[in-house]
Amino acid sequence: MTIVALLYIAVGVGGFVNHFHGLREGRLVRFDGAGIELVELMALTAGVFLLRGQNWARWLALAWIVFHVILSAFGGVAMLAIHAAFCAAIAGILFRPDASRYFRGSPIKAA
């Protein structure tokens, strides 16, 4: 769970900084730029609260990657396939039985 959470934090921070720089230089339309920044903040929020064991954060994380799968459908088959594979992997990790125990606050037994 920690790796997924840290990945979301890294993507959120990296995307926010990268897109903010483009917004400042006028390369992004203001409304689109603000929307992109909001989506990046959602990734950051999901990551932080995944680390804290908040159940709603895994739903936010899943919604975030599903949104990217939908967007990637407009970018070609290869991009769609990559995002779909990430989505399936993340969903599998976030909703496996030991993850569900983690989000309920139940102790996780070592395998």
N, C-alpha and C. Protein backbone atom coordinates (compact mmCIF):
# COMPACT_ATOMS: atom_id res chain seq x y z
N MET A 1 0.83 -1.19 0.00
CA MET A 1 0.00 0.00 0.00
C MET A 1 0.87 1.25 0.00
N THR A 2 1.96 1.18 0.72
CA THR A 2 2.86 2.32 0.83
C THR A 2 3.42 2.71 -0.54
N ILE A 3 3.77 1.73 -1.33
CA ILE A 3 4.34 2.02 -2.66
C ILE A 3 3.32 2.73 -3.53
N VAL A 4 2.08 2.26 -3.52
CA VAL A 4 1.02 2.90 -4.32
C VAL A 4 0.81 4.32 -3.82
N ALA A 5 0.76 4.50 -2.52
CA ALA A 5 0.55 5.83 -1.94
C ALA A 5 1.68 6.77 -2.34
N LEU A 6 2.91 6.30 -2.23
CA LEU A 6 4.06 7.14 -2.59
C LEU A 6 4.08 7.44 -4.09
N LEU A 7 3.63 6.49 -4.89
CA LEU A 7 3.53 6.72 -6.33
C LEU A 7 2.53 7.84 -6.63
N TYR A 8 1.38 7.80 -5.98
CA TYR A 8 0.38 8.85 -6.17
C TYR A 8 0.91 10.20 -5.70
N ILE A 9 1.62 10.22 -4.59
CA ILE A 9 2.19 11.48 -4.10
C ILE A 9 3.20 12.02 -5.11
N ALA A 10 4.07 11.15 -5.60
CA ALA A 10 5.09 11.58 -6.56
C ALA A 10 4.46 12.09 -7.85
N VAL A 11 3.47 11.38 -8.36
CA VAL A 11 2.80 11.81 -9.59
C VAL A 11 2.06 13.12 -9.35
N GLY A 12 1.41 13.24 -8.21
CA GLY A 12 0.69 14.47 -7.90
C GLY A 12 1.60 15.68 -7.81
N VAL A 13 2.69 15.53 -7.06
CA VAL A 13 3.63 16.65 -6.90
C VAL A 13 4.33 16.95 -8.22
N GLY A 14 4.83 15.90 -8.87
CA GLY A 14 5.53 16.09 -10.15
C GLY A 14 4.64 16.72 -11.20
N GLY A 15 3.43 16.22 -11.33
CA GLY A 15 2.49 16.77 -12.30
C GLY A 15 2.10 18.19 -11.98
N PHE A 16 1.90 18.47 -10.70
CA PHE A 16 1.51 19.82 -10.29
C PHE A 16 2.62 20.81 -10.65
N VAL A 17 3.85 20.48 -10.30
CA VAL A 17 4.98 21.38 -10.57
C VAL A 17 5.17 21.55 -12.08
N ASN A 18 5.13 20.46 -12.81
CA ASN A 18 5.33 20.51 -14.26
C ASN A 18 4.24 21.34 -14.94
N HIS A 19 3.00 21.08 -14.61
CA HIS A 19 1.91 21.81 -15.26
C HIS A 19 1.81 23.25 -14.78
N PHE A 20 2.18 23.50 -13.54
CA PHE A 20 2.16 24.87 -13.03
C PHE A 20 3.16 25.73 -13.79
N HIS A 21 4.31 25.15 -14.08
CA HIS A 21 5.33 25.86 -14.85
C HIS A 21 4.78 26.22 -16.23
N GLY A 22 4.08 25.28 -16.87
CA GLY A 22 3.47 25.55 -18.17
C GLY A 22 2.37 26.59 -18.09
N LEU A 23 1.63 26.57 -17.02
CA LEU A 23 0.56 27.54 -16.81
C LEU A 23 1.14 28.95 -16.65
N ARG A 24 2.22 29.05 -15.88
CA ARG A 24 2.87 30.34 -15.68
C ARG A 24 3.42 30.91 -16.98
N GLU A 25 3.89 30.05 -17.86
CA GLU A 25 4.46 30.51 -19.13
C GLU A 25 3.40 30.74 -20.19
N GLY A 26 2.15 30.49 -19.85
CA GLY A 26 1.07 30.73 -20.80
C GLY A 26 0.89 29.63 -21.83
N ARG A 27 1.52 28.46 -21.61
CA ARG A 27 1.39 27.37 -22.56
C ARG A 27 0.07 26.63 -22.41
N LEU A 28 -0.58 26.78 -21.28
CA LEU A 28 -1.86 26.11 -21.05
C LEU A 28 -2.96 27.15 -20.97
N VAL A 29 -4.10 26.81 -21.50
CA VAL A 29 -5.26 27.68 -21.36
C VAL A 29 -5.57 27.77 -19.88
N ARG A 30 -5.93 28.92 -19.40
CA ARG A 30 -6.11 29.12 -17.96
C ARG A 30 -7.09 28.14 -17.33
N PHE A 31 -8.25 27.95 -17.96
CA PHE A 31 -9.24 27.03 -17.39
C PHE A 31 -8.71 25.60 -17.41
N ASP A 32 -8.14 25.19 -18.55
CA ASP A 32 -7.59 23.84 -18.63
C ASP A 32 -6.46 23.65 -17.63
N GLY A 33 -5.62 24.67 -17.50
CA GLY A 33 -4.51 24.58 -16.57
C GLY A 33 -4.99 24.40 -15.15
N ALA A 34 -6.02 25.14 -14.76
CA ALA A 34 -6.56 25.01 -13.41
C ALA A 34 -7.16 23.63 -13.21
N GLY A 35 -7.82 23.11 -14.21
CA GLY A 35 -8.39 21.76 -14.12
C GLY A 35 -7.32 20.70 -13.98
N ILE A 36 -6.24 20.86 -14.75
CA ILE A 36 -5.13 19.92 -14.65
C ILE A 36 -4.51 19.96 -13.26
N GLU A 37 -4.33 21.16 -12.73
CA GLU A 37 -3.75 21.29 -11.39
C GLU A 37 -4.65 20.64 -10.35
N LEU A 38 -5.95 20.78 -10.50
CA LEU A 38 -6.90 20.15 -9.58
C LEU A 38 -6.76 18.63 -9.62
N VAL A 39 -6.63 18.08 -10.81
CA VAL A 39 -6.48 16.63 -10.96
C VAL A 39 -5.17 16.17 -10.31
N GLU A 40 -4.11 16.96 -10.46
CA GLU A 40 -2.83 16.60 -9.83
C GLU A 40 -2.93 16.67 -8.30
N LEU A 41 -3.64 17.66 -7.80
CA LEU A 41 -3.85 17.75 -6.35
C LEU A 41 -4.68 16.58 -5.83
N MET A 42 -5.58 16.08 -6.67
CA MET A 42 -6.37 14.90 -6.28
C MET A 42 -5.46 13.69 -6.11
N ALA A 43 -4.48 13.53 -7.00
CA ALA A 43 -3.53 12.42 -6.87
C ALA A 43 -2.73 12.56 -5.58
N LEU A 44 -2.26 13.76 -5.31
CA LEU A 44 -1.50 14.01 -4.08
C LEU A 44 -2.35 13.72 -2.85
N THR A 45 -3.58 14.19 -2.86
CA THR A 45 -4.50 13.95 -1.74
C THR A 45 -4.74 12.46 -1.54
N ALA A 46 -4.99 11.75 -2.64
CA ALA A 46 -5.21 10.31 -2.55
C ALA A 46 -4.00 9.62 -1.92
N GLY A 47 -2.81 9.98 -2.37
CA GLY A 47 -1.59 9.36 -1.83
C GLY A 47 -1.40 9.60 -0.35
N VAL A 48 -1.58 10.84 0.07
CA VAL A 48 -1.39 11.18 1.48
C VAL A 48 -2.39 10.41 2.35
N PHE A 49 -3.64 10.38 1.92
CA PHE A 49 -4.65 9.73 2.76
C PHE A 49 -4.66 8.21 2.60
N LEU A 50 -4.06 7.68 1.53
CA LEU A 50 -3.83 6.23 1.47
C LEU A 50 -2.86 5.84 2.57
N LEU A 51 -1.83 6.64 2.75
CA LEU A 51 -0.86 6.36 3.82
C LEU A 51 -1.51 6.38 5.20
N ARG A 52 -2.54 7.20 5.34
CA ARG A 52 -3.24 7.32 6.62
C ARG A 52 -4.33 6.28 6.80
N GLY A 53 -4.53 5.41 5.78
CA GLY A 53 -5.51 4.34 5.89
C GLY A 53 -6.96 4.76 5.71
N GLN A 54 -7.18 5.87 5.05
CA GLN A 54 -8.55 6.34 4.83
C GLN A 54 -9.19 5.60 3.65
N ASN A 55 -10.31 4.94 3.90
CA ASN A 55 -10.96 4.14 2.88
C ASN A 55 -11.37 4.96 1.66
N TRP A 56 -11.86 6.19 1.86
CA TRP A 56 -12.30 7.01 0.74
C TRP A 56 -11.14 7.33 -0.20
N ALA A 57 -9.91 7.32 0.32
CA ALA A 57 -8.74 7.64 -0.50
C ALA A 57 -8.49 6.59 -1.56
N ARG A 58 -8.80 5.33 -1.26
CA ARG A 58 -8.59 4.32 -2.30
C ARG A 58 -9.61 4.48 -3.42
N TRP A 59 -10.81 4.95 -3.09
CA TRP A 59 -11.80 5.22 -4.13
C TRP A 59 -11.39 6.42 -4.96
N LEU A 60 -10.82 7.43 -4.31
CA LEU A 60 -10.32 8.59 -5.05
C LEU A 60 -9.17 8.17 -5.96
N ALA A 61 -8.28 7.34 -5.46
CA ALA A 61 -7.15 6.86 -6.26
C ALA A 61 -7.65 6.07 -7.46
N LEU A 62 -8.64 5.23 -7.25
CA LEU A 62 -9.20 4.47 -8.37
C LEU A 62 -9.88 5.39 -9.37
N ALA A 63 -10.66 6.35 -8.89
CA ALA A 63 -11.32 7.30 -9.79
C ALA A 63 -10.30 8.08 -10.59
N TRP A 64 -9.20 8.45 -9.96
CA TRP A 64 -8.16 9.21 -10.64
C TRP A 64 -7.57 8.42 -11.80
N ILE A 65 -7.25 7.16 -11.58
CA ILE A 65 -6.64 6.37 -12.66
C ILE A 65 -7.68 6.02 -13.72
N VAL A 66 -8.93 5.79 -13.33
CA VAL A 66 -9.99 5.53 -14.33
C VAL A 66 -10.17 6.76 -15.22
N PHE A 67 -10.13 7.94 -14.63
CA PHE A 67 -10.20 9.19 -15.40
C PHE A 67 -9.09 9.23 -16.44
N HIS A 68 -7.89 8.82 -16.06
CA HIS A 68 -6.78 8.81 -17.00
C HIS A 68 -6.93 7.75 -18.08
N VAL A 69 -7.55 6.64 -17.74
CA VAL A 69 -7.84 5.62 -18.76
C VAL A 69 -8.79 6.21 -19.81
N ILE A 70 -9.82 6.90 -19.34
CA ILE A 70 -10.78 7.51 -20.26
C ILE A 70 -10.09 8.55 -21.14
N LEU A 71 -9.27 9.40 -20.55
CA LEU A 71 -8.54 10.41 -21.34
C LEU A 71 -7.60 9.76 -22.34
N SER A 72 -6.96 8.68 -21.94
CA SER A 72 -5.99 8.04 -22.83
C SER A 72 -6.66 7.38 -24.03
N ALA A 73 -7.95 7.13 -23.95
CA ALA A 73 -8.67 6.56 -25.09
C ALA A 73 -8.61 7.50 -26.30
N PHE A 74 -8.40 8.79 -26.04
CA PHE A 74 -8.29 9.77 -27.12
C PHE A 74 -6.86 9.93 -27.62
N GLY A 75 -5.93 9.23 -26.99
CA GLY A 75 -4.52 9.39 -27.34
C GLY A 75 -3.92 8.21 -28.07
N GLY A 76 -4.70 7.23 -28.41
CA GLY A 76 -4.18 6.09 -29.15
C GLY A 76 -4.25 4.80 -28.34
N VAL A 77 -4.13 3.71 -29.07
CA VAL A 77 -4.28 2.39 -28.48
C VAL A 77 -3.17 2.07 -27.47
N ALA A 78 -1.95 2.44 -27.80
CA ALA A 78 -0.84 2.14 -26.89
C ALA A 78 -1.01 2.85 -25.56
N MET A 79 -1.37 4.12 -25.60
CA MET A 79 -1.57 4.88 -24.36
C MET A 79 -2.73 4.30 -23.56
N LEU A 80 -3.79 3.93 -24.25
CA LEU A 80 -4.94 3.32 -23.58
C LEU A 80 -4.54 2.01 -22.91
N ALA A 81 -3.79 1.19 -23.60
CA ALA A 81 -3.37 -0.10 -23.05
C ALA A 81 -2.50 0.08 -21.81
N ILE A 82 -1.58 1.02 -21.85
CA ILE A 82 -0.70 1.26 -20.71
C ILE A 82 -1.50 1.74 -19.50
N HIS A 83 -2.38 2.72 -19.72
CA HIS A 83 -3.18 3.24 -18.61
C HIS A 83 -4.14 2.17 -18.08
N ALA A 84 -4.70 1.37 -18.96
CA ALA A 84 -5.61 0.30 -18.53
C ALA A 84 -4.86 -0.74 -17.68
N ALA A 85 -3.63 -1.05 -18.07
CA ALA A 85 -2.83 -2.00 -17.30
C ALA A 85 -2.50 -1.43 -15.91
N PHE A 86 -2.12 -0.15 -15.85
CA PHE A 86 -1.89 0.49 -14.55
C PHE A 86 -3.16 0.48 -13.71
N CYS A 87 -4.29 0.77 -14.34
CA CYS A 87 -5.57 0.80 -13.63
C CYS A 87 -5.88 -0.57 -13.03
N ALA A 88 -5.70 -1.61 -13.82
CA ALA A 88 -5.98 -2.96 -13.34
C ALA A 88 -5.05 -3.33 -12.17
N ALA A 89 -3.78 -2.99 -12.30
CA ALA A 89 -2.82 -3.30 -11.24
C ALA A 89 -3.15 -2.54 -9.96
N ILE A 90 -3.43 -1.25 -10.09
CA ILE A 90 -3.74 -0.43 -8.92
C ILE A 90 -5.03 -0.90 -8.26
N ALA A 91 -6.05 -1.20 -9.07
CA ALA A 91 -7.31 -1.69 -8.51
C ALA A 91 -7.08 -3.00 -7.77
N GLY A 92 -6.29 -3.87 -8.36
CA GLY A 92 -5.98 -5.14 -7.70
C GLY A 92 -5.29 -4.96 -6.36
N ILE A 93 -4.37 -4.02 -6.31
CA ILE A 93 -3.66 -3.76 -5.06
C ILE A 93 -4.57 -3.10 -4.03
N LEU A 94 -5.34 -2.11 -4.45
CA LEU A 94 -6.17 -1.35 -3.51
C LEU A 94 -7.35 -2.15 -2.95
N PHE A 95 -7.79 -3.18 -3.67
CA PHE A 95 -8.99 -3.89 -3.24
C PHE A 95 -8.76 -5.36 -2.94
N ARG A 96 -7.53 -5.76 -2.73
CA ARG A 96 -7.28 -7.14 -2.31
C ARG A 96 -7.64 -7.26 -0.83
N PRO A 97 -7.85 -8.48 -0.33
CA PRO A 97 -8.33 -8.66 1.05
C PRO A 97 -7.46 -8.00 2.12
N ASP A 98 -6.13 -8.09 2.02
CA ASP A 98 -5.31 -7.47 3.06
C ASP A 98 -5.37 -5.95 3.00
N ALA A 99 -5.60 -5.38 1.82
CA ALA A 99 -5.78 -3.93 1.71
C ALA A 99 -7.10 -3.52 2.37
N SER A 100 -8.12 -4.34 2.19
CA SER A 100 -9.40 -4.03 2.83
C SER A 100 -9.27 -4.03 4.35
N ARG A 101 -8.50 -4.95 4.88
CA ARG A 101 -8.24 -4.96 6.33
C ARG A 101 -7.47 -3.72 6.75
N TYR A 102 -6.52 -3.32 5.94
CA TYR A 102 -5.74 -2.11 6.22
C TYR A 102 -6.64 -0.89 6.32
N PHE A 103 -7.58 -0.78 5.40
CA PHE A 103 -8.47 0.40 5.39
C PHE A 103 -9.54 0.32 6.48
N ARG A 104 -9.81 -0.86 6.99
CA ARG A 104 -10.72 -0.99 8.13
C ARG A 104 -10.01 -0.80 9.45
N GLY A 105 -8.69 -0.80 9.40
CA GLY A 105 -7.92 -0.66 10.63
C GLY A 105 -7.68 -1.97 11.33
N SER A 106 -8.00 -3.10 10.66
CA SER A 106 -7.76 -4.41 11.25
C SER A 106 -6.29 -4.78 11.13
N PRO A 107 -5.77 -5.53 12.08
CA PRO A 107 -4.37 -5.94 11.99
C PRO A 107 -4.16 -6.85 10.77
N ILE A 108 -3.04 -6.66 10.10
CA ILE A 108 -2.70 -7.49 8.94
C ILE A 108 -1.75 -8.57 9.41
N LYS A 109 -2.10 -9.83 9.10
CA LYS A 109 -1.26 -10.94 9.48
C LYS A 109 -0.16 -11.14 8.44
N ALA A 110 1.04 -11.44 8.89
CA ALA A 110 2.15 -11.70 7.97
C ALA A 110 1.90 -13.04 7.30
N ALA A 111 2.19 -13.11 6.02
CA ALA A 111 1.97 -14.36 5.28
C ALA A 111 3.15 -15.26 5.38
